[in-house]
């Protein structure tokens, strides 16, 4: 996460870097015992729900990360800000604004 945040800070114009990093973080979010480390950055992922810099890629991946964290249940949500309810509401709003005809760019290697 430290590298992710530094890359966002030093290379804000590199949308493909953000897209690819979010894809990797999505992979990390699939591992239950690692999600607690991602929870501390829930605000960052919540903000990225509304990123339209690369179509819906970043937003889609941010929603995926948050979905995995949320799937652990309310008792897992150990941070005060943002609240779990706020994140759910923001996800609902962001997903509702996706252009469902947008082509997704998925790289599997």
PDB file of N, CA and C in Angstrom:
ATOM      1  N   UNK A   1       0.823  -1.191   0.000  1.00  0.00           N
ATOM      2  CA  UNK A   1       0.000   0.000   0.000  1.00  0.00           C
ATOM      3  C   UNK A   1       0.865   1.252   0.000  1.00  0.00           C
ATOM      4  N   UNK A   2       2.006   1.187   0.689  1.00  0.00           N
ATOM      5  CA  UNK A   2       2.885   2.355   0.692  1.00  0.00           C
ATOM      6  C   UNK A   2       3.356   2.684  -0.724  1.00  0.00           C
ATOM      7  N   UNK A   3       3.732   1.655  -1.485  1.00  0.00           N
ATOM      8  CA  UNK A   3       4.166   1.883  -2.863  1.00  0.00           C
ATOM      9  C   UNK A   3       3.026   2.395  -3.726  1.00  0.00           C
ATOM     10  N   UNK A   4       1.848   1.853  -3.524  1.00  0.00           N
ATOM     11  CA  UNK A   4       0.671   2.304  -4.260  1.00  0.00           C
ATOM     12  C   UNK A   4       0.443   3.794  -4.018  1.00  0.00           C
ATOM     13  N   UNK A   5       0.468   4.209  -2.762  1.00  0.00           N
ATOM     14  CA  UNK A   5       0.226   5.608  -2.425  1.00  0.00           C
ATOM     15  C   UNK A   5       1.332   6.515  -2.967  1.00  0.00           C
ATOM     16  N   UNK A   6       2.567   6.043  -2.904  1.00  0.00           N
ATOM     17  CA  UNK A   6       3.675   6.832  -3.465  1.00  0.00           C
ATOM     18  C   UNK A   6       3.563   6.969  -4.982  1.00  0.00           C
ATOM     19  N   UNK A   7       3.210   5.892  -5.645  1.00  0.00           N
ATOM     20  CA  UNK A   7       3.040   5.954  -7.104  1.00  0.00           C
ATOM     21  C   UNK A   7       1.927   6.914  -7.486  1.00  0.00           C
ATOM     22  N   UNK A   8       0.848   6.898  -6.739  1.00  0.00           N
ATOM     23  CA  UNK A   8      -0.248   7.848  -7.019  1.00  0.00           C
ATOM     24  C   UNK A   8       0.216   9.283  -6.826  1.00  0.00           C
ATOM     25  N   UNK A   9       1.062   9.494  -5.819  1.00  0.00           N
ATOM     26  CA  UNK A   9       1.555  10.844  -5.527  1.00  0.00           C
ATOM     27  C   UNK A   9       2.523  11.332  -6.602  1.00  0.00           C
ATOM     28  N   UNK A  10       3.470  10.480  -6.994  1.00  0.00           N
ATOM     29  CA  UNK A  10       4.523  10.907  -7.907  1.00  0.00           C
ATOM     30  C   UNK A  10       4.164  10.767  -9.381  1.00  0.00           C
ATOM     31  N   UNK A  11       3.182   9.940  -9.703  1.00  0.00           N
ATOM     32  CA  UNK A  11       2.787   9.725 -11.102  1.00  0.00           C
ATOM     33  C   UNK A  11       1.277   9.859 -11.278  1.00  0.00           C
ATOM     34  N   UNK A  12       0.711  10.990 -10.895  1.00  0.00           N
ATOM     35  CA  UNK A  12      -0.749  11.128 -10.955  1.00  0.00           C
ATOM     36  C   UNK A  12      -1.327  11.068 -12.369  1.00  0.00           C
ATOM     37  N   UNK A  13      -0.507  11.359 -13.371  1.00  0.00           N
ATOM     38  CA  UNK A  13      -0.990  11.369 -14.750  1.00  0.00           C
ATOM     39  C   UNK A  13      -0.929   9.994 -15.405  1.00  0.00           C
ATOM     40  N   UNK A  14      -0.345   9.020 -14.756  1.00  0.00           N
ATOM     41  CA  UNK A  14      -0.161   7.681 -15.332  1.00  0.00           C
ATOM     42  C   UNK A  14      -1.375   6.805 -15.017  1.00  0.00           C
ATOM     43  N   UNK A  15      -2.416   6.967 -15.805  1.00  0.00           N
ATOM     44  CA  UNK A  15      -3.666   6.262 -15.558  1.00  0.00           C
ATOM     45  C   UNK A  15      -3.528   4.752 -15.709  1.00  0.00           C
ATOM     46  N   UNK A  16      -2.679   4.305 -16.643  1.00  0.00           N
ATOM     47  CA  UNK A  16      -2.499   2.866 -16.812  1.00  0.00           C
ATOM     48  C   UNK A  16      -1.812   2.251 -15.598  1.00  0.00           C
ATOM     49  N   UNK A  17      -0.959   3.027 -14.934  1.00  0.00           N
ATOM     50  CA  UNK A  17      -0.306   2.557 -13.711  1.00  0.00           C
ATOM     51  C   UNK A  17      -1.339   2.387 -12.597  1.00  0.00           C
ATOM     52  N   UNK A  18      -2.204   3.372 -12.437  1.00  0.00           N
ATOM     53  CA  UNK A  18      -3.260   3.285 -11.427  1.00  0.00           C
ATOM     54  C   UNK A  18      -4.174   2.099 -11.709  1.00  0.00           C
ATOM     55  N   UNK A  19      -4.565   1.941 -12.966  1.00  0.00           N
ATOM     56  CA  UNK A  19      -5.443   0.825 -13.340  1.00  0.00           C
ATOM     57  C   UNK A  19      -4.796  -0.513 -13.002  1.00  0.00           C
ATOM     58  N   UNK A  20      -3.536  -0.676 -13.373  1.00  0.00           N
ATOM     59  CA  UNK A  20      -2.854  -1.943 -13.122  1.00  0.00           C
ATOM     60  C   UNK A  20      -2.619  -2.192 -11.631  1.00  0.00           C
ATOM     61  N   UNK A  21      -2.271  -1.138 -10.896  1.00  0.00           N
ATOM     62  CA  UNK A  21      -2.075  -1.301  -9.456  1.00  0.00           C
ATOM     63  C   UNK A  21      -3.381  -1.698  -8.773  1.00  0.00           C
ATOM     64  N   UNK A  22      -4.481  -1.090  -9.205  1.00  0.00           N
ATOM     65  CA  UNK A  22      -5.773  -1.434  -8.599  1.00  0.00           C
ATOM     66  C   UNK A  22      -6.151  -2.875  -8.914  1.00  0.00           C
ATOM     67  N   UNK A  23      -5.799  -3.351 -10.080  1.00  0.00           N
ATOM     68  CA  UNK A  23      -6.043  -4.756 -10.403  1.00  0.00           C
ATOM     69  C   UNK A  23      -5.285  -5.681  -9.473  1.00  0.00           C
ATOM     70  N   UNK A  24      -4.041  -5.330  -9.170  1.00  0.00           N
ATOM     71  CA  UNK A  24      -3.238  -6.136  -8.255  1.00  0.00           C
ATOM     72  C   UNK A  24      -3.782  -6.084  -6.832  1.00  0.00           C
ATOM     73  N   UNK A  25      -4.208  -4.911  -6.404  1.00  0.00           N
ATOM     74  CA  UNK A  25      -4.780  -4.790  -5.061  1.00  0.00           C
ATOM     75  C   UNK A  25      -6.072  -5.603  -4.975  1.00  0.00           C
ATOM     76  N   UNK A  26      -6.794  -5.666  -6.080  1.00  0.00           N
ATOM     77  CA  UNK A  26      -7.988  -6.521  -6.123  1.00  0.00           C
ATOM     78  C   UNK A  26      -7.638  -7.976  -5.872  1.00  0.00           C
ATOM     79  N   UNK A  27      -6.498  -8.415  -6.388  1.00  0.00           N
ATOM     80  CA  UNK A  27      -6.046  -9.776  -6.124  1.00  0.00           C
ATOM     81  C   UNK A  27      -5.727  -9.972  -4.643  1.00  0.00           C
ATOM     82  N   UNK A  28      -5.104  -8.989  -4.034  1.00  0.00           N
ATOM     83  CA  UNK A  28      -4.786  -9.060  -2.600  1.00  0.00           C
ATOM     84  C   UNK A  28      -6.080  -9.141  -1.788  1.00  0.00           C
ATOM     85  N   UNK A  29      -7.086  -8.383  -2.207  1.00  0.00           N
ATOM     86  CA  UNK A  29      -8.357  -8.349  -1.471  1.00  0.00           C
ATOM     87  C   UNK A  29      -9.078  -9.694  -1.486  1.00  0.00           C
ATOM     88  N   UNK A  30      -8.703 -10.570  -2.391  1.00  0.00           N
ATOM     89  CA  UNK A  30      -9.307 -11.897  -2.435  1.00  0.00           C
ATOM     90  C   UNK A  30      -8.797 -12.801  -1.318  1.00  0.00           C
ATOM     91  N   UNK A  31      -7.723 -12.404  -0.654  1.00  0.00           N
ATOM     92  CA  UNK A  31      -7.119 -13.214   0.410  1.00  0.00           C
ATOM     93  C   UNK A  31      -7.659 -12.729   1.754  1.00  0.00           C
ATOM     94  N   UNK A  32      -8.494 -13.528   2.421  1.00  0.00           N
ATOM     95  CA  UNK A  32      -9.170 -13.062   3.639  1.00  0.00           C
ATOM     96  C   UNK A  32      -8.247 -12.478   4.715  1.00  0.00           C
ATOM     97  N   UNK A  33      -7.122 -13.108   4.985  1.00  0.00           N
ATOM     98  CA  UNK A  33      -6.299 -12.616   6.087  1.00  0.00           C
ATOM     99  C   UNK A  33      -5.506 -11.359   5.740  1.00  0.00           C
ATOM    100  N   UNK A  34      -5.523 -10.923   4.483  1.00  0.00           N
ATOM    101  CA  UNK A  34      -4.848  -9.688   4.089  1.00  0.00           C
ATOM    102  C   UNK A  34      -5.797  -8.492   4.057  1.00  0.00           C
ATOM    103  N   UNK A  35      -7.085  -8.752   4.074  1.00  0.00           N
ATOM    104  CA  UNK A  35      -8.056  -7.655   3.946  1.00  0.00           C
ATOM    105  C   UNK A  35      -7.974  -6.657   5.094  1.00  0.00           C
ATOM    106  N   UNK A  36      -7.589  -7.108   6.285  1.00  0.00           N
ATOM    107  CA  UNK A  36      -7.494  -6.182   7.417  1.00  0.00           C
ATOM    108  C   UNK A  36      -6.485  -5.076   7.133  1.00  0.00           C
ATOM    109  N   UNK A  37      -5.469  -5.369   6.330  1.00  0.00           N
ATOM    110  CA  UNK A  37      -4.479  -4.349   5.977  1.00  0.00           C
ATOM    111  C   UNK A  37      -5.055  -3.353   4.973  1.00  0.00           C
ATOM    112  N   UNK A  38      -5.963  -3.805   4.148  1.00  0.00           N
ATOM    113  CA  UNK A  38      -6.589  -2.923   3.169  1.00  0.00           C
ATOM    114  C   UNK A  38      -7.665  -2.052   3.802  1.00  0.00           C
ATOM    115  N   UNK A  39      -8.284  -2.538   4.861  1.00  0.00           N
ATOM    116  CA  UNK A  39      -9.357  -1.792   5.522  1.00  0.00           C
ATOM    117  C   UNK A  39      -8.881  -0.411   5.958  1.00  0.00           C
ATOM    118  N   UNK A  40      -7.644  -0.298   6.377  1.00  0.00           N
ATOM    119  CA  UNK A  40      -7.104   0.992   6.808  1.00  0.00           C
ATOM    120  C   UNK A  40      -7.117   2.026   5.682  1.00  0.00           C
ATOM    121  N   UNK A  41      -7.236   1.569   4.448  1.00  0.00           N
ATOM    122  CA  UNK A  41      -7.231   2.455   3.280  1.00  0.00           C
ATOM    123  C   UNK A  41      -8.606   2.519   2.606  1.00  0.00           C
ATOM    124  N   UNK A  42      -9.623   2.205   3.359  1.00  0.00           N
ATOM    125  CA  UNK A  42     -10.986   2.193   2.813  1.00  0.00           C
ATOM    126  C   UNK A  42     -11.379   3.543   2.222  1.00  0.00           C
ATOM    127  N   UNK A  43     -10.920   4.634   2.823  1.00  0.00           N
ATOM    128  CA  UNK A  43     -11.261   5.955   2.296  1.00  0.00           C
ATOM    129  C   UNK A  43     -10.658   6.152   0.911  1.00  0.00           C
ATOM    130  N   UNK A  44      -9.431   5.705   0.727  1.00  0.00           N
ATOM    131  CA  UNK A  44      -8.788   5.807  -0.590  1.00  0.00           C
ATOM    132  C   UNK A  44      -9.584   5.041  -1.633  1.00  0.00           C
ATOM    133  N   UNK A  45      -9.952   3.802  -1.304  1.00  0.00           N
ATOM    134  CA  UNK A  45     -10.720   2.993  -2.254  1.00  0.00           C
ATOM    135  C   UNK A  45     -12.101   3.594  -2.491  1.00  0.00           C
ATOM    136  N   UNK A  46     -12.694   4.149  -1.444  1.00  0.00           N
ATOM    137  CA  UNK A  46     -13.999   4.779  -1.588  1.00  0.00           C
ATOM    138  C   UNK A  46     -13.914   5.986  -2.527  1.00  0.00           C
ATOM    139  N   UNK A  47     -12.856   6.762  -2.404  1.00  0.00           N
ATOM    140  CA  UNK A  47     -12.665   7.908  -3.309  1.00  0.00           C
ATOM    141  C   UNK A  47     -12.452   7.450  -4.750  1.00  0.00           C
ATOM    142  N   UNK A  48     -11.751   6.337  -4.920  1.00  0.00           N
ATOM    143  CA  UNK A  48     -11.477   5.827  -6.270  1.00  0.00           C
ATOM    144  C   UNK A  48     -12.720   5.258  -6.947  1.00  0.00           C
ATOM    145  N   UNK A  49     -13.779   5.051  -6.192  1.00  0.00           N
ATOM    146  CA  UNK A  49     -15.036   4.597  -6.799  1.00  0.00           C
ATOM    147  C   UNK A  49     -15.530   5.571  -7.861  1.00  0.00           C
ATOM    148  N   UNK A  50     -15.131   6.826  -7.744  1.00  0.00           N
ATOM    149  CA  UNK A  50     -15.621   7.857  -8.663  1.00  0.00           C
ATOM    150  C   UNK A  50     -14.555   8.317  -9.652  1.00  0.00           C
ATOM    151  N   UNK A  51     -13.476   7.554  -9.759  1.00  0.00           N
ATOM    152  CA  UNK A  51     -12.420   7.861 -10.713  1.00  0.00           C
ATOM    153  C   UNK A  51     -12.870   7.425 -12.102  1.00  0.00           C
ATOM    154  N   UNK A  52     -12.862   8.373 -13.035  1.00  0.00           N
ATOM    155  CA  UNK A  52     -13.277   8.067 -14.407  1.00  0.00           C
ATOM    156  C   UNK A  52     -12.134   8.286 -15.383  1.00  0.00           C
ATOM    157  N   UNK A  53     -10.925   8.310 -14.859  1.00  0.00           N
ATOM    158  CA  UNK A  53      -9.768   8.632 -15.685  1.00  0.00           C
ATOM    159  C   UNK A  53      -9.476   7.565 -16.730  1.00  0.00           C
ATOM    160  N   UNK A  54      -9.914   6.358 -16.511  1.00  0.00           N
ATOM    161  CA  UNK A  54      -9.624   5.256 -17.437  1.00  0.00           C
ATOM    162  C   UNK A  54     -10.896   4.442 -17.665  1.00  0.00           C
ATOM    163  N   UNK A  55     -11.959   5.130 -18.022  1.00  0.00           N
ATOM    164  CA  UNK A  55     -13.243   4.443 -18.163  1.00  0.00           C
ATOM    165  C   UNK A  55     -13.751   4.027 -16.787  1.00  0.00           C
ATOM    166  N   UNK A  56     -14.193   2.772 -16.674  1.00  0.00           N
ATOM    167  CA  UNK A  56     -14.669   2.298 -15.369  1.00  0.00           C
ATOM    168  C   UNK A  56     -13.663   1.386 -14.683  1.00  0.00           C
ATOM    169  N   UNK A  57     -12.488   1.219 -15.264  1.00  0.00           N
ATOM    170  CA  UNK A  57     -11.510   0.258 -14.736  1.00  0.00           C
ATOM    171  C   UNK A  57     -11.166   0.498 -13.271  1.00  0.00           C
ATOM    172  N   UNK A  58     -10.756   1.705 -12.942  1.00  0.00           N
ATOM    173  CA  UNK A  58     -10.326   2.005 -11.573  1.00  0.00           C
ATOM    174  C   UNK A  58     -11.510   1.896 -10.626  1.00  0.00           C
ATOM    175  N   UNK A  59     -12.632   2.461 -11.021  1.00  0.00           N
ATOM    176  CA  UNK A  59     -13.839   2.387 -10.202  1.00  0.00           C
ATOM    177  C   UNK A  59     -14.259   0.937  -9.974  1.00  0.00           C
ATOM    178  N   UNK A  60     -14.232   0.152 -11.021  1.00  0.00           N
ATOM    179  CA  UNK A  60     -14.601  -1.265 -10.949  1.00  0.00           C
ATOM    180  C   UNK A  60     -13.694  -2.011  -9.970  1.00  0.00           C
ATOM    181  N   UNK A  61     -12.400  -1.778 -10.071  1.00  0.00           N
ATOM    182  CA  UNK A  61     -11.464  -2.457  -9.178  1.00  0.00           C
ATOM    183  C   UNK A  61     -11.590  -1.972  -7.740  1.00  0.00           C
ATOM    184  N   UNK A  62     -11.837  -0.678  -7.553  1.00  0.00           N
ATOM    185  CA  UNK A  62     -12.054  -0.158  -6.202  1.00  0.00           C
ATOM    186  C   UNK A  62     -13.300  -0.797  -5.590  1.00  0.00           C
ATOM    187  N   UNK A  63     -14.350  -0.928  -6.391  1.00  0.00           N
ATOM    188  CA  UNK A  63     -15.576  -1.581  -5.907  1.00  0.00           C
ATOM    189  C   UNK A  63     -15.312  -3.044  -5.553  1.00  0.00           C
ATOM    190  N   UNK A  64     -14.484  -3.696  -6.340  1.00  0.00           N
ATOM    191  CA  UNK A  64     -14.139  -5.084  -6.051  1.00  0.00           C
ATOM    192  C   UNK A  64     -13.404  -5.224  -4.727  1.00  0.00           C
ATOM    193  N   UNK A  65     -12.432  -4.354  -4.503  1.00  0.00           N
ATOM    194  CA  UNK A  65     -11.677  -4.379  -3.241  1.00  0.00           C
ATOM    195  C   UNK A  65     -12.622  -4.153  -2.070  1.00  0.00           C
ATOM    196  N   UNK A  66     -13.451  -3.125  -2.177  1.00  0.00           N
ATOM    197  CA  UNK A  66     -14.383  -2.826  -1.092  1.00  0.00           C
ATOM    198  C   UNK A  66     -15.403  -3.937  -0.901  1.00  0.00           C
ATOM    199  N   UNK A  67     -15.824  -4.568  -1.974  1.00  0.00           N
ATOM    200  CA  UNK A  67     -16.781  -5.682  -1.862  1.00  0.00           C
ATOM    201  C   UNK A  67     -16.202  -6.827  -1.053  1.00  0.00           C
ATOM    202  N   UNK A  68     -14.946  -7.137  -1.291  1.00  0.00           N
ATOM    203  CA  UNK A  68     -14.304  -8.206  -0.522  1.00  0.00           C
ATOM    204  C   UNK A  68     -14.228  -7.834   0.955  1.00  0.00           C
ATOM    205  N   UNK A  69     -13.832  -6.592   1.230  1.00  0.00           N
ATOM    206  CA  UNK A  69     -13.738  -6.145   2.621  1.00  0.00           C
ATOM    207  C   UNK A  69     -15.119  -6.178   3.283  1.00  0.00           C
ATOM    208  N   UNK A  70     -16.123  -5.679   2.584  1.00  0.00           N
ATOM    209  CA  UNK A  70     -17.484  -5.650   3.129  1.00  0.00           C
ATOM    210  C   UNK A  70     -18.040  -7.046   3.351  1.00  0.00           C
ATOM    211  N   UNK A  71     -17.607  -7.997   2.545  1.00  0.00           N
ATOM    212  CA  UNK A  71     -18.143  -9.357   2.654  1.00  0.00           C
ATOM    213  C   UNK A  71     -17.751 -10.038   3.963  1.00  0.00           C
ATOM    214  N   UNK A  72     -16.764  -9.491   4.649  1.00  0.00           N
ATOM    215  CA  UNK A  72     -16.358 -10.064   5.928  1.00  0.00           C
ATOM    216  C   UNK A  72     -17.355  -9.749   7.042  1.00  0.00           C
ATOM    217  N   UNK A  73     -18.270  -8.830   6.801  1.00  0.00           N
ATOM    218  CA  UNK A  73     -19.316  -8.527   7.769  1.00  0.00           C
ATOM    219  C   UNK A  73     -19.052  -7.259   8.554  1.00  0.00           C
ATOM    220  N   UNK A  74     -20.114  -6.777   9.181  1.00  0.00           N
ATOM    221  CA  UNK A  74     -20.049  -5.518   9.940  1.00  0.00           C
ATOM    222  C   UNK A  74     -19.084  -5.613  11.116  1.00  0.00           C
ATOM    223  N   UNK A  75     -18.965  -6.793  11.711  1.00  0.00           N
ATOM    224  CA  UNK A  75     -18.087  -6.933  12.875  1.00  0.00           C
ATOM    225  C   UNK A  75     -16.609  -6.759  12.508  1.00  0.00           C
ATOM    226  N   UNK A  76     -16.289  -6.944  11.253  1.00  0.00           N
ATOM    227  CA  UNK A  76     -14.914  -6.784  10.780  1.00  0.00           C
ATOM    228  C   UNK A  76     -14.558  -5.317  10.578  1.00  0.00           C
ATOM    229  N   UNK A  77     -15.550  -4.469  10.338  1.00  0.00           N
ATOM    230  CA  UNK A  77     -15.316  -3.061  10.022  1.00  0.00           C
ATOM    231  C   UNK A  77     -14.886  -2.342  11.299  1.00  0.00           C
ATOM    232  N   UNK A  78     -13.595  -2.223  11.491  1.00  0.00           N
ATOM    233  CA  UNK A  78     -13.041  -1.721  12.750  1.00  0.00           C
ATOM    234  C   UNK A  78     -12.586  -0.267  12.689  1.00  0.00           C
ATOM    235  N   UNK A  79     -12.924   0.445  11.638  1.00  0.00           N
ATOM    236  CA  UNK A  79     -12.525   1.852  11.515  1.00  0.00           C
ATOM    237  C   UNK A  79     -13.751   2.738  11.656  1.00  0.00           C
ATOM    238  N   UNK A  80     -13.516   3.976  12.074  1.00  0.00           N
ATOM    239  CA  UNK A  80     -14.612   4.917  12.268  1.00  0.00           C
ATOM    240  C   UNK A  80     -14.961   5.678  10.994  1.00  0.00           C
ATOM    241  N   UNK A  81     -13.927   5.963  10.190  1.00  0.00           N
ATOM    242  CA  UNK A  81     -14.133   6.753   8.987  1.00  0.00           C
ATOM    243  C   UNK A  81     -13.413   6.119   7.819  1.00  0.00           C
ATOM    244  N   UNK A  82     -14.070   5.904   6.731  1.00  0.00           N
ATOM    245  CA  UNK A  82     -15.503   6.088   6.520  1.00  0.00           C
ATOM    246  C   UNK A  82     -16.280   4.968   7.208  1.00  0.00           C
ATOM    247  N   UNK A  83     -17.531   5.235   7.452  1.00  0.00           N
ATOM    248  CA  UNK A  83     -18.354   4.190   8.035  1.00  0.00           C
ATOM    249  C   UNK A  83     -18.662   3.140   6.973  1.00  0.00           C
ATOM    250  N   UNK A  84     -19.001   1.974   7.433  1.00  0.00           N
ATOM    251  CA  UNK A  84     -19.357   0.893   6.514  1.00  0.00           C
ATOM    252  C   UNK A  84     -20.570   1.301   5.672  1.00  0.00           C
ATOM    253  N   UNK A  85     -21.552   1.917   6.308  1.00  0.00           N
ATOM    254  CA  UNK A  85     -22.767   2.343   5.606  1.00  0.00           C
ATOM    255  C   UNK A  85     -22.448   3.384   4.535  1.00  0.00           C
ATOM    256  N   UNK A  86     -21.533   4.282   4.833  1.00  0.00           N
ATOM    257  CA  UNK A  86     -21.137   5.297   3.852  1.00  0.00           C
ATOM    258  C   UNK A  86     -20.512   4.641   2.633  1.00  0.00           C
ATOM    259  N   UNK A  87     -19.650   3.663   2.856  1.00  0.00           N
ATOM    260  CA  UNK A  87     -18.993   2.977   1.744  1.00  0.00           C
ATOM    261  C   UNK A  87     -20.020   2.226   0.900  1.00  0.00           C
ATOM    262  N   UNK A  88     -20.963   1.562   1.541  1.00  0.00           N
ATOM    263  CA  UNK A  88     -22.009   0.851   0.796  1.00  0.00           C
ATOM    264  C   UNK A  88     -22.802   1.842  -0.055  1.00  0.00           C
ATOM    265  N   UNK A  89     -23.164   2.977   0.510  1.00  0.00           N
ATOM    266  CA  UNK A  89     -23.916   3.996  -0.235  1.00  0.00           C
ATOM    267  C   UNK A  89     -23.105   4.534  -1.415  1.00  0.00           C
ATOM    268  N   UNK A  90     -21.828   4.782  -1.191  1.00  0.00           N
ATOM    269  CA  UNK A  90     -20.968   5.296  -2.267  1.00  0.00           C
ATOM    270  C   UNK A  90     -20.795   4.258  -3.375  1.00  0.00           C
ATOM    271  N   UNK A  91     -20.672   2.992  -2.985  1.00  0.00           N
ATOM    272  CA  UNK A  91     -20.568   1.936  -4.001  1.00  0.00           C
ATOM    273  C   UNK A  91     -21.841   1.892  -4.842  1.00  0.00           C
ATOM    274  N   UNK A  92     -22.979   1.948  -4.190  1.00  0.00           N
ATOM    275  CA  UNK A  92     -24.264   1.913  -4.890  1.00  0.00           C
ATOM    276  C   UNK A  92     -24.352   3.066  -5.902  1.00  0.00           C
ATOM    277  N   UNK A  93     -23.952   4.246  -5.472  1.00  0.00           N
ATOM    278  CA  UNK A  93     -23.995   5.425  -6.347  1.00  0.00           C
ATOM    279  C   UNK A  93     -23.020   5.274  -7.511  1.00  0.00           C
ATOM    280  N   UNK A  94     -21.790   4.879  -7.212  1.00  0.00           N
ATOM    281  CA  UNK A  94     -20.772   4.750  -8.267  1.00  0.00           C
ATOM    282  C   UNK A  94     -21.167   3.702  -9.291  1.00  0.00           C
ATOM    283  N   UNK A  95     -21.597   2.544  -8.839  1.00  0.00           N
ATOM    284  CA  UNK A  95     -21.978   1.468  -9.752  1.00  0.00           C
ATOM    285  C   UNK A  95     -23.162   1.889 -10.615  1.00  0.00           C
ATOM    286  N   UNK A  96     -24.060   2.647 -10.035  1.00  0.00           N
ATOM    287  CA  UNK A  96     -25.210   3.139 -10.791  1.00  0.00           C
ATOM    288  C   UNK A  96     -24.838   4.087 -11.919  1.00  0.00           C
ATOM    289  N   UNK A  97     -23.647   4.667 -11.853  1.00  0.00           N
ATOM    290  CA  UNK A  97     -23.203   5.596 -12.894  1.00  0.00           C
ATOM    291  C   UNK A  97     -22.278   4.953 -13.928  1.00  0.00           C
ATOM    292  N   UNK A  98     -21.992   3.686 -13.777  1.00  0.00           N
ATOM    293  CA  UNK A  98     -21.131   3.027 -14.759  1.00  0.00           C
ATOM    294  C   UNK A  98     -21.843   2.898 -16.097  1.00  0.00           C
ATOM    295  N   UNK A  99     -21.091   3.111 -17.162  1.00  0.00           N
ATOM    296  CA  UNK A  99     -21.583   2.835 -18.506  1.00  0.00           C
ATOM    297  C   UNK A  99     -21.367   1.344 -18.738  1.00  0.00           C
ATOM    298  N   UNK A 100     -22.427   0.582 -18.715  1.00  0.00           N
ATOM    299  CA  UNK A 100     -22.317  -0.868 -18.799  1.00  0.00           C
ATOM    300  C   UNK A 100     -21.878  -1.353 -20.175  1.00  0.00           C
ATOM    301  N   UNK A 101     -21.832  -0.466 -21.138  1.00  0.00           N
ATOM    302  CA  UNK A 101     -21.351  -0.834 -22.475  1.00  0.00           C
ATOM    303  C   UNK A 101     -19.853  -0.593 -22.633  1.00  0.00           C
ATOM    304  N   UNK A 102     -19.212  -0.092 -21.578  1.00  0.00           N
ATOM    305  CA  UNK A 102     -17.785   0.170 -21.622  1.00  0.00           C
ATOM    306  C   UNK A 102     -17.007  -1.130 -21.713  1.00  0.00           C
ATOM    307  N   UNK A 103     -16.004  -1.141 -22.568  1.00  0.00           N
ATOM    308  CA  UNK A 103     -15.149  -2.312 -22.701  1.00  0.00           C
ATOM    309  C   UNK A 103     -14.162  -2.338 -21.534  1.00  0.00           C
ATOM    310  N   UNK A 104     -14.053  -3.464 -20.893  1.00  0.00           N
ATOM    311  CA  UNK A 104     -13.121  -3.628 -19.774  1.00  0.00           C
ATOM    312  C   UNK A 104     -11.803  -4.152 -20.302  1.00  0.00           C
ATOM    313  N   UNK A 105     -10.735  -3.753 -19.652  1.00  0.00           N
ATOM    314  CA  UNK A 105      -9.385  -4.182 -20.027  1.00  0.00           C
ATOM    315  C   UNK A 105      -8.865  -5.076 -18.902  1.00  0.00           C
ATOM    316  N   UNK A 106      -8.904  -6.377 -19.111  1.00  0.00           N
ATOM    317  CA  UNK A 106      -8.461  -7.317 -18.090  1.00  0.00           C
ATOM    318  C   UNK A 106      -7.229  -8.044 -18.608  1.00  0.00           C
ATOM    319  N   UNK A 107      -6.173  -7.988 -17.823  1.00  0.00           N
ATOM    320  CA  UNK A 107      -4.934  -8.678 -18.179  1.00  0.00           C
ATOM    321  C   UNK A 107      -4.730  -9.849 -17.242  1.00  0.00           C
ATOM    322  N   UNK A 108      -4.727 -11.046 -17.794  1.00  0.00           N
ATOM    323  CA  UNK A 108      -4.433 -12.239 -17.009  1.00  0.00           C
ATOM    324  C   UNK A 108      -3.112 -12.798 -17.496  1.00  0.00           C
ATOM    325  N   UNK A 109      -2.220 -13.036 -16.555  1.00  0.00           N
ATOM    326  CA  UNK A 109      -0.910 -13.578 -16.923  1.00  0.00           C
ATOM    327  C   UNK A 109      -0.530 -14.685 -15.986  1.00  0.00           C
TER     328      UNK A 109
END
